[in-house]
Every structure is written in C-alpha cells, then in structure tokens.
Protein backbone atom coordinates (compact mmCIF):
# COMPACT_ATOMS: atom_id res chain seq x y z
CA MET A 1 14.12 41.51 -37.63
CA PRO A 2 11.17 39.30 -38.65
CA ILE A 3 7.83 41.10 -38.61
CA ILE A 4 4.77 38.87 -38.77
CA ASN A 5 1.32 40.33 -39.46
CA VAL A 6 -1.75 38.41 -38.33
CA ASN A 7 -5.17 39.55 -39.58
CA MET A 8 -8.19 38.31 -37.65
CA MET A 9 -11.76 39.14 -36.92
CA GLU A 10 -12.56 40.64 -33.53
CA GLY A 11 -13.70 38.45 -30.68
CA ARG A 12 -10.62 36.76 -29.23
CA THR A 13 -9.69 37.28 -25.60
CA THR A 14 -6.46 38.94 -24.51
CA GLU A 15 -5.25 35.53 -23.33
CA GLN A 16 -5.90 33.99 -26.76
CA LYS A 17 -4.02 36.79 -28.51
CA GLU A 18 -1.09 36.45 -26.10
CA ALA A 19 -0.99 32.69 -26.76
CA LEU A 20 -1.01 33.36 -30.51
CA ILE A 21 1.89 35.82 -30.22
CA LYS A 22 3.89 33.27 -28.21
CA ALA A 23 3.17 30.42 -30.63
CA VAL A 24 4.03 32.49 -33.71
CA ALA A 25 7.28 33.76 -32.18
CA GLU A 26 8.28 30.21 -31.20
CA ALA A 27 7.49 28.97 -34.73
CA VAL A 28 9.62 31.69 -36.31
CA THR A 29 12.50 30.93 -33.96
CA ALA A 30 12.26 27.22 -34.76
CA SER A 31 11.99 27.71 -38.51
CA ILE A 32 14.54 30.44 -39.24
CA GLY A 33 16.53 30.66 -36.03
CA ALA A 34 15.71 34.29 -35.26
CA PRO A 35 16.10 35.19 -31.59
CA GLU A 36 12.70 35.71 -29.94
CA GLN A 37 13.65 39.20 -28.78
CA ASN A 38 14.05 40.24 -32.44
CA ILE A 39 10.64 38.97 -33.58
CA ARG A 40 7.66 41.31 -33.88
CA VAL A 41 4.15 39.89 -34.11
CA LEU A 42 1.45 42.38 -35.09
CA ILE A 43 -2.22 41.50 -34.71
CA ASN A 44 -4.70 43.48 -36.79
CA GLU A 45 -8.25 43.00 -35.55
CA TYR A 46 -11.22 43.86 -37.72
CA PRO A 47 -14.57 44.82 -36.15
CA LYS A 48 -17.68 43.19 -37.53
CA ALA A 49 -18.71 46.41 -39.24
CA HIS A 50 -15.48 46.36 -41.29
CA TRP A 51 -15.92 43.05 -43.11
CA GLY A 52 -18.76 41.28 -44.79
CA ILE A 53 -20.25 38.05 -45.99
CA GLY A 54 -21.77 38.38 -49.42
CA THR A 55 -23.57 41.71 -49.54
CA LEU A 56 -23.96 42.19 -45.77
CA PRO A 57 -21.58 43.52 -43.14
CA ALA A 58 -20.80 40.74 -40.66
CA HIS A 59 -22.66 42.43 -37.82
CA LYS A 60 -25.84 42.41 -39.93
CA ALA A 61 -25.26 38.83 -41.05
CA GLY A 62 -25.36 37.61 -37.44
CA ARG A 63 -21.63 36.88 -37.15
C-alpha cells in the first residue's frame, strides 16, 4: 500500500486539497501501477505560527 505524505503551509481550500489528493493518486497509479483504492495520500498542514522565515514566525513576517 503506497502512502504519500504531502507537507504544505496552511491556506489551501478544501477543493484544492481534494484536487491534490486526486492528482497524486493518479500519478502513483500511472508510475507504479498501484490500484487507486490502495493508495493513501496524507496532507500535513502547518499553521503560520509553526514555521518561520529567517528569525520570524511566518505570521509575524506577513505571510
């Protein structure tokens, strides 16, 4: 069972995340032949307070 982890910053809509899951699953099926029902795509979203640019958290850096 392929398990794909996607790390991204917060801010995408539910529709965008659903489109990403679909595209990743289709790519895995095309590349290694795994059936779509066996593929797991996990999205880890990080809030702006949990990542930074230089010395500032992203929410303080205006991101």
